[in-house]
Amino acid sequence: ELGCALFARLGIGEFHFLVDAAQNVFKNKYGDCKGKANLLKEMLKLAGFDARLTWIGTSDLPYDYSLPSLCVDNHMICTVILNGKKYFLDGTEEHIALNDYAQRIQGKQVLIEDGKNFILEKIPEFPAQRNKESKTTKMSIAEDKLTGTSTIEYNGESKIMVQRIFSSIRKDNKNDALTSWIKSGDANVEVSNIKSPDFTDRQKPLQLAFDFKASSQVTKAGSELYVTMDWDKDFANYEMSADRKNDYEFDQKYYYTVQTELAIPAGYKVDYLPSAFKKTTPDFSFEGSYTNNGKAIIYKKTIVISKPILKRSEFTVWNSFIADINKFYNDQVVFTK
């Protein structure tokens, strides 16, 4: 099975362009991208599919095949042509769904073998919604702590990351690994009753549900309660240094949505809600709001980063964007008796 073959970068010098025999990769249970692509091709051909080796340059390279040079590509995948449609299969991506493609190869040109000829195609490029990560929380205040239940749904790159990390951990350490992933290093958060995701269906989103207690988010001052409803503060520390000389590349395009419901504590009423905030540019946006439905405070947040490369010329606009987000994050809900 291809998934049992480890991925190892073996390309040194001229060997960078040599494809290892499929039987060697199968026997040794490891191979580089070329070896795994070749094994994948041969297995698919034995199953009756039209499978072909395919060269590609990842996002690390700014070239396409209009440049007649060996520097154009640094990766190999396999293409299946079925009923007139091309399916691009990357043997180094162990957890990706069919018809889904990693950020590093999206929009990149490929060179598909075709006898003595070749076929040029492009990998589809997806919008940020492909990587949508949604967090839904219901919580209440108990003994000056926030207690509740959260469900996170992962898609695209974030789903693949969770699967990759989870599969690399020993079975007896998996629950601890999920706990660490959820807490993100926050010592003020306790996590329990984790419902492990279903990793068996790659075509579906990945869902992770858990209970939590968060301390240091509720401050009592006389008859007032000051509450921080968003302690994750996504992208709060992403200000770009003025000394940075190069552009910045994000790991992926981002599409985060958060909806948190905080029950109004008994004996209290809402004294203050932070104002809604919205800021939009062509490549990134933020929208956040607090509303009172009479029984609970509903907090909503959406962050979209639709372009993975942040140009150095955009740093000033970006830093202003982050500063405005932090002003919104640093405001609190206030309850009074």
C-alpha atoms as a PDB file:
ATOM      1  CA  GLU A   1       0.000   0.000   0.000  1.00  0.00           C
ATOM      2  CA  LEU A   2       1.438   3.377  -1.006  1.00  0.00           C
ATOM      3  CA  GLY A   3       0.659   4.946   2.361  1.00  0.00           C
ATOM      4  CA  CYS A   4       3.121   2.522   3.991  1.00  0.00           C
ATOM      5  CA  ALA A   5       6.001   3.889   1.928  1.00  0.00           C
ATOM      6  CA  LEU A   6       7.873   6.579   3.822  1.00  0.00           C
ATOM      7  CA  PHE A   7       8.756   9.826   2.085  1.00  0.00           C
ATOM      8  CA  ALA A   8      12.489  10.547   1.901  1.00  0.00           C
ATOM      9  CA  ARG A   9      14.254  13.238  -0.111  1.00  0.00           C
ATOM     10  CA  LEU A  10      16.870  11.330  -2.076  1.00  0.00           C
ATOM     11  CA  GLY A  11      17.663  13.769  -4.882  1.00  0.00           C
ATOM     12  CA  ILE A  12      21.345  14.727  -4.863  1.00  0.00           C
ATOM     13  CA  GLY A  13      23.042  16.053  -7.980  1.00  0.00           C
ATOM     14  CA  GLU A  14      22.016  14.159 -11.111  1.00  0.00           C
ATOM     15  CA  PHE A  15      19.978  11.732  -8.985  1.00  0.00           C
ATOM     16  CA  HIS A  16      17.497  14.562  -8.562  1.00  0.00           C
ATOM     17  CA  PHE A  17      16.193  13.641 -12.031  1.00  0.00           C
ATOM     18  CA  LEU A  18      16.361   9.843 -11.787  1.00  0.00           C
ATOM     19  CA  VAL A  19      13.167   7.955 -10.990  1.00  0.00           C
ATOM     20  CA  ASP A  20      13.574   4.900  -8.766  1.00  0.00           C
ATOM     21  CA  ALA A  21      11.926   1.693  -9.955  1.00  0.00           C
ATOM     22  CA  ALA A  22       8.464   1.086  -8.523  1.00  0.00           C
ATOM     23  CA  GLN A  23       9.454  -2.342  -7.179  1.00  0.00           C
ATOM     24  CA  ASN A  24      12.332  -0.813  -5.216  1.00  0.00           C
ATOM     25  CA  VAL A  25      10.059   1.729  -3.522  1.00  0.00           C
ATOM     26  CA  PHE A  26       7.525  -1.009  -2.781  1.00  0.00           C
ATOM     27  CA  LYS A  27      10.193  -3.322  -1.340  1.00  0.00           C
ATOM     28  CA  ASN A  28      12.061  -0.683   0.663  1.00  0.00           C
ATOM     29  CA  LYS A  29       8.901   1.055   1.906  1.00  0.00           C
ATOM     30  CA  TYR A  30      10.387   4.481   1.285  1.00  0.00           C
ATOM     31  CA  GLY A  31      11.038   6.790  -1.618  1.00  0.00           C
ATOM     32  CA  ASP A  32      11.253  10.394  -2.723  1.00  0.00           C
ATOM     33  CA  CYS A  33       8.472  12.154  -4.637  1.00  0.00           C
ATOM     34  CA  LYS A  34       9.611  10.576  -7.920  1.00  0.00           C
ATOM     35  CA  GLY A  35       9.740   7.068  -6.512  1.00  0.00           C
ATOM     36  CA  LYS A  36       6.331   7.381  -4.886  1.00  0.00           C
ATOM     37  CA  ALA A  37       4.835   8.891  -8.058  1.00  0.00           C
ATOM     38  CA  ASN A  38       6.258   6.014 -10.097  1.00  0.00           C
ATOM     39  CA  LEU A  39       4.922   3.401  -7.680  1.00  0.00           C
ATOM     40  CA  LEU A  40       1.535   5.111  -7.734  1.00  0.00           C
ATOM     41  CA  LYS A  41       1.552   5.143 -11.539  1.00  0.00           C
ATOM     42  CA  GLU A  42       2.415   1.440 -11.822  1.00  0.00           C
ATOM     43  CA  MET A  43      -0.164   0.383  -9.238  1.00  0.00           C
ATOM     44  CA  LEU A  44      -2.866   2.374 -11.028  1.00  0.00           C
ATOM     45  CA  LYS A  45      -1.855   0.955 -14.416  1.00  0.00           C
ATOM     46  CA  LEU A  46      -2.143  -2.566 -13.000  1.00  0.00           C
ATOM     47  CA  ALA A  47      -5.647  -1.607 -11.857  1.00  0.00           C
ATOM     48  CA  GLY A  48      -6.514  -0.545 -15.400  1.00  0.00           C
ATOM     49  CA  PHE A  49      -6.153   3.236 -15.151  1.00  0.00           C
ATOM     50  CA  ASP A  50      -4.384   5.609 -17.542  1.00  0.00           C
ATOM     51  CA  ALA A  51      -1.760   6.896 -15.096  1.00  0.00           C
ATOM     52  CA  ARG A  52       1.194   9.080 -16.055  1.00  0.00           C
ATOM     53  CA  LEU A  53       4.252  10.609 -14.417  1.00  0.00           C
ATOM     54  CA  THR A  54       3.996  14.366 -14.049  1.00  0.00           C
ATOM     55  CA  TRP A  55       6.663  16.977 -13.323  1.00  0.00           C
ATOM     56  CA  ILE A  56       5.757  20.138 -11.418  1.00  0.00           C
ATOM     57  CA  GLY A  57       7.447  23.067  -9.720  1.00  0.00           C
ATOM     58  CA  THR A  58       6.027  23.827  -6.266  1.00  0.00           C
ATOM     59  CA  SER A  59       5.318  27.322  -4.955  1.00  0.00           C
ATOM     60  CA  ASP A  60       9.000  27.523  -3.986  1.00  0.00           C
ATOM     61  CA  LEU A  61       9.778  28.105  -7.677  1.00  0.00           C
ATOM     62  CA  PRO A  62       8.504  31.137  -9.643  1.00  0.00           C
ATOM     63  CA  TYR A  63       8.734  29.456 -13.069  1.00  0.00           C
ATOM     64  CA  ASP A  64       6.575  27.604 -15.567  1.00  0.00           C
ATOM     65  CA  TYR A  65       7.457  25.511 -18.629  1.00  0.00           C
ATOM     66  CA  SER A  66       7.785  28.519 -20.912  1.00  0.00           C
ATOM     67  CA  LEU A  67      11.335  28.584 -19.511  1.00  0.00           C
ATOM     68  CA  PRO A  68      13.327  25.703 -21.093  1.00  0.00           C
ATOM     69  CA  SER A  69      15.409  24.883 -18.031  1.00  0.00           C
ATOM     70  CA  LEU A  70      15.905  22.124 -15.476  1.00  0.00           C
ATOM     71  CA  CYS A  71      15.231  24.663 -12.721  1.00  0.00           C
ATOM     72  CA  VAL A  72      11.528  24.821 -13.604  1.00  0.00           C
ATOM     73  CA  ASP A  73      10.445  21.829 -11.513  1.00  0.00           C
ATOM     74  CA  ASN A  74      11.350  20.278  -8.178  1.00  0.00           C
ATOM     75  CA  HIS A  75       8.566  17.765  -7.624  1.00  0.00           C
ATOM     76  CA  MET A  76       6.859  14.805  -9.279  1.00  0.00           C
ATOM     77  CA  ILE A  77       3.272  13.616  -8.979  1.00  0.00           C
ATOM     78  CA  CYS A  78       1.010  11.237 -10.917  1.00  0.00           C
ATOM     79  CA  THR A  79      -1.866  12.167 -13.232  1.00  0.00           C
ATOM     80  CA  VAL A  80      -4.804   9.880 -13.971  1.00  0.00           C
ATOM     81  CA  ILE A  81      -6.829  10.603 -17.104  1.00  0.00           C
ATOM     82  CA  LEU A  82     -10.331   9.191 -16.698  1.00  0.00           C
ATOM     83  CA  ASN A  83     -13.372   9.999 -18.844  1.00  0.00           C
ATOM     84  CA  GLY A  84     -11.642  13.079 -20.193  1.00  0.00           C
ATOM     85  CA  LYS A  85     -10.813  14.468 -16.745  1.00  0.00           C
ATOM     86  CA  LYS A  86      -7.372  14.733 -15.188  1.00  0.00           C
ATOM     87  CA  TYR A  87      -6.866  13.766 -11.552  1.00  0.00           C
ATOM     88  CA  PHE A  88      -3.600  14.946 -10.012  1.00  0.00           C
ATOM     89  CA  LEU A  89      -2.320  12.593  -7.302  1.00  0.00           C
ATOM     90  CA  ASP A  90       0.568  13.554  -5.023  1.00  0.00           C
ATOM     91  CA  GLY A  91       2.123  10.476  -3.428  1.00  0.00           C
ATOM     92  CA  THR A  92       3.781  12.576  -0.721  1.00  0.00           C
ATOM     93  CA  GLU A  93       0.405  13.842   0.559  1.00  0.00           C
ATOM     94  CA  GLU A  94      -0.774  10.979   2.749  1.00  0.00           C
ATOM     95  CA  HIS A  95      -4.003  12.538   4.040  1.00  0.00           C
ATOM     96  CA  ILE A  96      -5.388  14.666   1.216  1.00  0.00           C
ATOM     97  CA  ALA A  97      -8.817  14.062  -0.314  1.00  0.00           C
ATOM     98  CA  LEU A  98      -9.482  13.260  -3.975  1.00  0.00           C
ATOM     99  CA  ASN A  99      -9.800  16.427  -6.086  1.00  0.00           C
ATOM    100  CA  ASP A 100      -8.059  18.421  -3.361  1.00  0.00           C
ATOM    101  CA  TYR A 101      -4.552  19.819  -3.777  1.00  0.00           C
ATOM    102  CA  ALA A 102      -1.989  21.185  -1.343  1.00  0.00           C
ATOM    103  CA  GLN A 103      -1.358  24.917  -1.273  1.00  0.00           C
ATOM    104  CA  ARG A 104       2.210  24.372  -2.481  1.00  0.00           C
ATOM    105  CA  ILE A 105       1.074  23.042  -5.884  1.00  0.00           C
ATOM    106  CA  GLN A 106      -2.181  24.937  -6.458  1.00  0.00           C
ATOM    107  CA  GLY A 107      -2.174  27.010  -9.640  1.00  0.00           C
ATOM    108  CA  LYS A 108       1.148  25.536 -10.771  1.00  0.00           C
ATOM    109  CA  GLN A 109       1.802  24.290 -14.285  1.00  0.00           C
ATOM    110  CA  VAL A 110       2.474  20.572 -14.778  1.00  0.00           C
ATOM    111  CA  LEU A 111       4.253  18.594 -17.499  1.00  0.00           C
ATOM    112  CA  ILE A 112       2.485  15.261 -18.107  1.00  0.00           C
ATOM    113  CA  GLU A 113       4.163  12.448 -20.028  1.00  0.00           C
ATOM    114  CA  ASP A 114       2.427  11.611 -23.327  1.00  0.00           C
ATOM    115  CA  GLY A 115       4.574   9.136 -25.273  1.00  0.00           C
ATOM    116  CA  LYS A 116       7.075  11.144 -27.313  1.00  0.00           C
ATOM    117  CA  ASN A 117       5.073  14.292 -26.597  1.00  0.00           C
ATOM    118  CA  PHE A 118       3.872  15.992 -23.426  1.00  0.00           C
ATOM    119  CA  ILE A 119       0.773  17.674 -22.050  1.00  0.00           C
ATOM    120  CA  LEU A 120       0.810  20.998 -20.217  1.00  0.00           C
ATOM    121  CA  GLU A 121      -1.915  21.595 -17.652  1.00  0.00           C
ATOM    122  CA  LYS A 122      -2.453  23.617 -14.480  1.00  0.00           C
ATOM    123  CA  ILE A 123      -3.376  22.377 -11.041  1.00  0.00           C
ATOM    124  CA  PRO A 124      -6.659  23.999  -9.935  1.00  0.00           C
ATOM    125  CA  GLU A 125      -6.324  26.896  -7.504  1.00  0.00           C
ATOM    126  CA  PHE A 126      -8.834  27.186  -4.678  1.00  0.00           C
ATOM    127  CA  PRO A 127     -10.089  30.236  -2.764  1.00  0.00           C
ATOM    128  CA  ALA A 128      -9.503  30.665   0.969  1.00  0.00           C
ATOM    129  CA  GLN A 129     -12.838  28.943   1.710  1.00  0.00           C
ATOM    130  CA  ARG A 130     -11.158  25.624   0.870  1.00  0.00           C
ATOM    131  CA  ASN A 131      -9.287  25.954   4.185  1.00  0.00           C
ATOM    132  CA  LYS A 132     -12.297  27.058   6.229  1.00  0.00           C
ATOM    133  CA  GLU A 133     -11.863  26.478   9.948  1.00  0.00           C
ATOM    134  CA  SER A 134     -14.991  27.038  12.030  1.00  0.00           C
ATOM    135  CA  LYS A 135     -15.171  27.135  15.816  1.00  0.00           C
ATOM    136  CA  THR A 136     -18.513  27.090  17.648  1.00  0.00           C
ATOM    137  CA  THR A 137     -18.613  27.531  21.426  1.00  0.00           C
ATOM    138  CA  LYS A 138     -21.261  27.664  24.131  1.00  0.00           C
ATOM    139  CA  MET A 139     -20.091  28.724  27.568  1.00  0.00           C
ATOM    140  CA  SER A 140     -21.081  30.183  30.909  1.00  0.00           C
ATOM    141  CA  ILE A 141     -19.386  31.723  33.931  1.00  0.00           C
ATOM    142  CA  ALA A 142     -18.845  29.458  36.938  1.00  0.00           C
ATOM    143  CA  GLU A 143     -16.618  30.350  39.893  1.00  0.00           C
ATOM    144  CA  ASP A 144     -14.903  33.105  37.919  1.00  0.00           C
ATOM    145  CA  LYS A 145     -14.058  30.690  35.117  1.00  0.00           C
ATOM    146  CA  LEU A 146     -15.497  30.246  31.659  1.00  0.00           C
ATOM    147  CA  THR A 147     -16.746  26.696  31.198  1.00  0.00           C
ATOM    148  CA  GLY A 148     -18.298  25.232  28.098  1.00  0.00           C
ATOM    149  CA  THR A 149     -18.123  23.098  25.002  1.00  0.00           C
ATOM    150  CA  SER A 150     -16.462  23.812  21.663  1.00  0.00           C
ATOM    151  CA  THR A 151     -16.582  22.160  18.273  1.00  0.00           C
ATOM    152  CA  ILE A 152     -13.961  22.916  15.623  1.00  0.00           C
ATOM    153  CA  GLU A 153     -14.462  21.922  11.997  1.00  0.00           C
ATOM    154  CA  TYR A 154     -11.342  21.701   9.839  1.00  0.00           C
ATOM    155  CA  ASN A 155     -11.104  21.764   6.049  1.00  0.00           C
ATOM    156  CA  GLY A 156      -8.280  21.873   3.536  1.00  0.00           C
ATOM    157  CA  GLU A 157      -4.803  22.612   4.875  1.00  0.00           C
ATOM    158  CA  SER A 158      -5.839  22.755   8.536  1.00  0.00           C
ATOM    159  CA  LYS A 159      -7.567  19.366   8.231  1.00  0.00           C
ATOM    160  CA  ILE A 160      -4.462  17.851   6.645  1.00  0.00           C
ATOM    161  CA  MET A 161      -2.283  19.311   9.403  1.00  0.00           C
ATOM    162  CA  VAL A 162      -4.415  17.766  12.164  1.00  0.00           C
ATOM    163  CA  GLN A 163      -4.380  14.394  10.389  1.00  0.00           C
ATOM    164  CA  ARG A 164      -0.625  14.540   9.842  1.00  0.00           C
ATOM    165  CA  ILE A 165       0.135  15.366  13.464  1.00  0.00           C
ATOM    166  CA  PHE A 166      -2.346  12.823  14.847  1.00  0.00           C
ATOM    167  CA  SER A 167      -1.028   9.988  12.675  1.00  0.00           C
ATOM    168  CA  SER A 168       2.575  10.688  13.719  1.00  0.00           C
ATOM    169  CA  ILE A 169       1.834  10.281  17.448  1.00  0.00           C
ATOM    170  CA  ARG A 170       1.968   6.957  19.288  1.00  0.00           C
ATOM    171  CA  LYS A 171      -1.468   5.566  20.121  1.00  0.00           C
ATOM    172  CA  ASP A 172      -1.042   5.946  23.887  1.00  0.00           C
ATOM    173  CA  ASN A 173      -0.086   9.631  23.448  1.00  0.00           C
ATOM    174  CA  LYS A 174      -2.795  10.671  20.996  1.00  0.00           C
ATOM    175  CA  ASN A 175      -5.184  12.153  23.576  1.00  0.00           C
ATOM    176  CA  ASP A 176      -2.364  14.217  25.095  1.00  0.00           C
ATOM    177  CA  ALA A 177      -1.425  15.399  21.606  1.00  0.00           C
ATOM    178  CA  LEU A 178      -4.986  16.535  20.893  1.00  0.00           C
ATOM    179  CA  THR A 179      -5.099  18.310  24.257  1.00  0.00           C
ATOM    180  CA  SER A 180      -1.887  20.192  23.468  1.00  0.00           C
ATOM    181  CA  TRP A 181      -3.187  21.073  19.999  1.00  0.00           C
ATOM    182  CA  ILE A 182      -6.410  22.514  21.436  1.00  0.00           C
ATOM    183  CA  LYS A 183      -4.700  24.450  24.233  1.00  0.00           C
ATOM    184  CA  SER A 184      -2.029  25.906  21.906  1.00  0.00           C
ATOM    185  CA  GLY A 185       0.280  26.355  24.869  1.00  0.00           C
ATOM    186  CA  ASP A 186      -2.269  28.282  26.967  1.00  0.00           C
ATOM    187  CA  ALA A 187      -1.775  27.232  30.603  1.00  0.00           C
ATOM    188  CA  ASN A 188      -5.051  28.947  31.557  1.00  0.00           C
ATOM    189  CA  VAL A 189      -7.146  26.438  29.589  1.00  0.00           C
ATOM    190  CA  GLU A 190      -8.140  22.980  30.838  1.00  0.00           C
ATOM    191  CA  VAL A 191      -9.489  20.526  28.251  1.00  0.00           C
ATOM    192  CA  SER A 192     -11.531  17.379  28.867  1.00  0.00           C
ATOM    193  CA  ASN A 193     -13.935  14.924  27.197  1.00  0.00           C
ATOM    194  CA  ILE A 194     -12.286  15.171  23.795  1.00  0.00           C
ATOM    195  CA  LYS A 195     -14.258  13.460  21.058  1.00  0.00           C
ATOM    196  CA  SER A 196     -11.649  12.229  18.610  1.00  0.00           C
ATOM    197  CA  PRO A 197     -12.301  13.084  14.968  1.00  0.00           C
ATOM    198  CA  ASP A 198     -13.276  10.515  12.355  1.00  0.00           C
ATOM    199  CA  PHE A 199     -10.154  10.161  10.243  1.00  0.00           C
ATOM    200  CA  THR A 200     -11.541   7.435   7.979  1.00  0.00           C
ATOM    201  CA  ASP A 201     -13.340   9.607   5.395  1.00  0.00           C
ATOM    202  CA  ARG A 202     -10.953  12.058   3.735  1.00  0.00           C
ATOM    203  CA  GLN A 203     -13.749  13.679   1.717  1.00  0.00           C
ATOM    204  CA  LYS A 204     -15.535  15.027   4.801  1.00  0.00           C
ATOM    205  CA  PRO A 205     -14.511  17.897   7.089  1.00  0.00           C
ATOM    206  CA  LEU A 206     -12.760  16.926  10.307  1.00  0.00           C
ATOM    207  CA  GLN A 207     -14.624  17.710  13.531  1.00  0.00           C
ATOM    208  CA  LEU A 208     -13.082  17.972  16.981  1.00  0.00           C
ATOM    209  CA  ALA A 209     -15.335  18.489  20.028  1.00  0.00           C
ATOM    210  CA  PHE A 210     -14.296  19.020  23.647  1.00  0.00           C
ATOM    211  CA  ASP A 211     -15.194  20.565  27.004  1.00  0.00           C
ATOM    212  CA  PHE A 212     -13.058  23.280  28.555  1.00  0.00           C
ATOM    213  CA  LYS A 213     -12.480  25.554  31.521  1.00  0.00           C
ATOM    214  CA  ALA A 214     -10.686  28.846  30.953  1.00  0.00           C
ATOM    215  CA  SER A 215      -9.300  30.830  33.867  1.00  0.00           C
ATOM    216  CA  SER A 216      -7.964  34.423  33.893  1.00  0.00           C
ATOM    217  CA  GLN A 217     -10.656  35.514  31.414  1.00  0.00           C
ATOM    218  CA  VAL A 218     -13.133  36.822  34.011  1.00  0.00           C
ATOM    219  CA  THR A 219     -12.279  39.716  36.334  1.00  0.00           C
ATOM    220  CA  LYS A 220     -14.588  40.712  39.179  1.00  0.00           C
ATOM    221  CA  ALA A 221     -14.477  44.324  40.377  1.00  0.00           C
ATOM    222  CA  GLY A 222     -17.156  45.174  42.925  1.00  0.00           C
ATOM    223  CA  SER A 223     -20.516  44.612  41.267  1.00  0.00           C
ATOM    224  CA  GLU A 224     -19.019  44.287  37.790  1.00  0.00           C
ATOM    225  CA  LEU A 225     -17.677  41.386  35.745  1.00  0.00           C
ATOM    226  CA  TYR A 226     -15.198  42.002  32.921  1.00  0.00           C
ATOM    227  CA  VAL A 227     -15.086  39.099  30.465  1.00  0.00           C
ATOM    228  CA  THR A 228     -12.741  38.266  27.594  1.00  0.00           C
ATOM    229  CA  MET A 229     -14.702  36.109  25.137  1.00  0.00           C
ATOM    230  CA  ASP A 230     -11.905  35.573  22.603  1.00  0.00           C
ATOM    231  CA  TRP A 231      -8.608  34.554  24.178  1.00  0.00           C
ATOM    232  CA  ASP A 232      -7.280  32.886  21.019  1.00  0.00           C
ATOM    233  CA  LYS A 233      -6.820  36.312  19.394  1.00  0.00           C
ATOM    234  CA  ASP A 234      -5.936  34.865  16.000  1.00  0.00           C
ATOM    235  CA  PHE A 235      -3.185  36.796  14.159  1.00  0.00           C
ATOM    236  CA  ALA A 236      -2.705  39.232  17.065  1.00  0.00           C
ATOM    237  CA  ASN A 237       1.078  38.710  16.955  1.00  0.00           C
ATOM    238  CA  TYR A 238       1.498  38.817  13.179  1.00  0.00           C
ATOM    239  CA  GLU A 239       2.888  42.339  12.910  1.00  0.00           C
ATOM    240  CA  MET A 240       5.697  42.487  10.345  1.00  0.00           C
ATOM    241  CA  SER A 241       9.059  43.867  11.453  1.00  0.00           C
ATOM    242  CA  ALA A 242      10.213  47.068   9.785  1.00  0.00           C
ATOM    243  CA  ASP A 243      13.649  45.429   9.452  1.00  0.00           C
ATOM    244  CA  ARG A 244      12.345  42.532   7.377  1.00  0.00           C
ATOM    245  CA  LYS A 245      13.856  42.608   3.871  1.00  0.00           C
ATOM    246  CA  ASN A 246      11.733  39.990   2.122  1.00  0.00           C
ATOM    247  CA  ASP A 247       8.098  39.247   1.460  1.00  0.00           C
ATOM    248  CA  TYR A 248       6.248  37.003   3.924  1.00  0.00           C
ATOM    249  CA  GLU A 249       4.689  33.685   2.921  1.00  0.00           C
ATOM    250  CA  PHE A 250       1.806  32.305   4.974  1.00  0.00           C
ATOM    251  CA  ASP A 251       1.479  28.544   5.322  1.00  0.00           C
ATOM    252  CA  GLN A 252      -1.852  28.713   3.526  1.00  0.00           C
ATOM    253  CA  LYS A 253      -4.807  30.903   2.668  1.00  0.00           C
ATOM    254  CA  TYR A 254      -6.966  31.390   5.757  1.00  0.00           C
ATOM    255  CA  TYR A 255     -10.699  31.449   6.356  1.00  0.00           C
ATOM    256  CA  TYR A 256     -11.519  31.457  10.070  1.00  0.00           C
ATOM    257  CA  THR A 257     -15.013  31.757  11.526  1.00  0.00           C
ATOM    258  CA  VAL A 258     -15.842  31.870  15.225  1.00  0.00           C
ATOM    259  CA  GLN A 259     -19.208  31.960  16.963  1.00  0.00           C
ATOM    260  CA  THR A 260     -19.241  32.013  20.757  1.00  0.00           C
ATOM    261  CA  GLU A 261     -22.332  32.142  22.945  1.00  0.00           C
ATOM    262  CA  LEU A 262     -21.869  33.309  26.540  1.00  0.00           C
ATOM    263  CA  ALA A 263     -24.860  32.920  28.864  1.00  0.00           C
ATOM    264  CA  ILE A 264     -25.637  36.105  30.794  1.00  0.00           C
ATOM    265  CA  PRO A 265     -24.886  35.176  34.428  1.00  0.00           C
ATOM    266  CA  ALA A 266     -27.816  35.051  36.843  1.00  0.00           C
ATOM    267  CA  GLY A 267     -28.297  38.306  38.737  1.00  0.00           C
ATOM    268  CA  TYR A 268     -26.345  40.334  36.180  1.00  0.00           C
ATOM    269  CA  LYS A 269     -27.255  42.499  33.226  1.00  0.00           C
ATOM    270  CA  VAL A 270     -25.191  43.665  30.280  1.00  0.00           C
ATOM    271  CA  ASP A 271     -23.541  47.009  30.975  1.00  0.00           C
ATOM    272  CA  TYR A 272     -21.237  47.267  27.953  1.00  0.00           C
ATOM    273  CA  LEU A 273     -20.588  45.484  24.654  1.00  0.00           C
ATOM    274  CA  PRO A 274     -17.619  46.275  22.399  1.00  0.00           C
ATOM    275  CA  SER A 275     -18.552  47.964  19.133  1.00  0.00           C
ATOM    276  CA  ALA A 276     -18.621  45.907  15.956  1.00  0.00           C
ATOM    277  CA  PHE A 277     -15.520  46.179  13.813  1.00  0.00           C
ATOM    278  CA  LYS A 278     -14.965  45.494  10.128  1.00  0.00           C
ATOM    279  CA  LYS A 279     -11.932  46.090   7.943  1.00  0.00           C
ATOM    280  CA  THR A 280     -11.541  44.858   4.388  1.00  0.00           C
ATOM    281  CA  THR A 281      -8.750  45.007   1.809  1.00  0.00           C
ATOM    282  CA  PRO A 282      -8.537  43.128  -1.505  1.00  0.00           C
ATOM    283  CA  ASP A 283      -6.360  40.401   0.077  1.00  0.00           C
ATOM    284  CA  PHE A 284      -7.351  40.183   3.745  1.00  0.00           C
ATOM    285  CA  SER A 285     -10.306  41.086   5.931  1.00  0.00           C
ATOM    286  CA  PHE A 286     -11.602  40.960   9.498  1.00  0.00           C
ATOM    287  CA  GLU A 287     -15.127  41.249  10.856  1.00  0.00           C
ATOM    288  CA  GLY A 288     -16.131  40.964  14.503  1.00  0.00           C
ATOM    289  CA  SER A 289     -19.260  41.741  16.499  1.00  0.00           C
ATOM    290  CA  TYR A 290     -21.019  41.287  19.847  1.00  0.00           C
ATOM    291  CA  THR A 291     -24.810  41.102  20.160  1.00  0.00           C
ATOM    292  CA  ASN A 292     -27.195  40.623  23.096  1.00  0.00           C
ATOM    293  CA  ASN A 293     -30.200  38.350  22.501  1.00  0.00           C
ATOM    294  CA  GLY A 294     -31.525  38.780  26.030  1.00  0.00           C
ATOM    295  CA  LYS A 295     -30.217  35.460  27.333  1.00  0.00           C
ATOM    296  CA  ALA A 296     -26.677  35.379  25.996  1.00  0.00           C
ATOM    297  CA  ILE A 297     -23.955  37.399  24.314  1.00  0.00           C
ATOM    298  CA  ILE A 298     -23.188  36.202  20.788  1.00  0.00           C
ATOM    299  CA  TYR A 299     -19.657  36.879  19.588  1.00  0.00           C
ATOM    300  CA  LYS A 300     -18.845  36.403  15.905  1.00  0.00           C
ATOM    301  CA  LYS A 301     -15.545  36.712  14.089  1.00  0.00           C
ATOM    302  CA  THR A 302     -14.432  36.086  10.515  1.00  0.00           C
ATOM    303  CA  ILE A 303     -10.853  36.372   9.265  1.00  0.00           C
ATOM    304  CA  VAL A 304      -9.988  35.874   5.607  1.00  0.00           C
ATOM    305  CA  ILE A 305      -6.512  35.924   4.057  1.00  0.00           C
ATOM    306  CA  SER A 306      -7.009  35.187   0.381  1.00  0.00           C
ATOM    307  CA  LYS A 307      -3.413  35.514  -0.825  1.00  0.00           C
ATOM    308  CA  PRO A 308      -0.547  33.450   0.658  1.00  0.00           C
ATOM    309  CA  ILE A 309       2.171  36.005  -0.165  1.00  0.00           C
ATOM    310  CA  LEU A 310       2.338  39.304   1.708  1.00  0.00           C
ATOM    311  CA  LYS A 311       4.537  41.716  -0.227  1.00  0.00           C
ATOM    312  CA  ARG A 312       6.975  43.878   1.673  1.00  0.00           C
ATOM    313  CA  SER A 313       5.293  46.920   0.094  1.00  0.00           C
ATOM    314  CA  GLU A 314       2.087  45.842   1.882  1.00  0.00           C
ATOM    315  CA  PHE A 315       3.612  45.658   5.375  1.00  0.00           C
ATOM    316  CA  THR A 316       2.407  49.132   6.415  1.00  0.00           C
ATOM    317  CA  VAL A 317      -1.193  48.372   5.467  1.00  0.00           C
ATOM    318  CA  TRP A 318      -0.943  44.935   7.081  1.00  0.00           C
ATOM    319  CA  ASN A 319       0.484  46.279  10.355  1.00  0.00           C
ATOM    320  CA  SER A 320      -2.308  48.856  10.529  1.00  0.00           C
ATOM    321  CA  PHE A 321      -4.765  46.005   9.978  1.00  0.00           C
ATOM    322  CA  ILE A 322      -3.233  43.994  12.849  1.00  0.00           C
ATOM    323  CA  ALA A 323      -3.198  47.046  15.152  1.00  0.00           C
ATOM    324  CA  ASP A 324      -6.922  47.600  14.549  1.00  0.00           C
ATOM    325  CA  ILE A 325      -7.640  43.923  15.201  1.00  0.00           C
ATOM    326  CA  ASN A 326      -5.785  44.110  18.515  1.00  0.00           C
ATOM    327  CA  LYS A 327      -7.817  47.141  19.601  1.00  0.00           C
ATOM    328  CA  PHE A 328     -10.930  45.071  18.999  1.00  0.00           C
ATOM    329  CA  TYR A 329      -9.460  42.039  20.805  1.00  0.00           C
ATOM    330  CA  ASN A 330      -8.465  44.082  23.862  1.00  0.00           C
ATOM    331  CA  ASP A 331     -12.020  45.259  24.551  1.00  0.00           C
ATOM    332  CA  GLN A 332     -14.175  43.314  27.004  1.00  0.00           C
ATOM    333  CA  VAL A 333     -17.804  42.551  27.765  1.00  0.00           C
ATOM    334  CA  VAL A 334     -18.972  44.115  31.042  1.00  0.00           C
ATOM    335  CA  PHE A 335     -21.780  42.771  33.235  1.00  0.00           C
ATOM    336  CA  THR A 336     -23.168  44.576  36.275  1.00  0.00           C
ATOM    337  CA  LYS A 337     -25.645  43.691  39.008  1.00  0.00           C
END
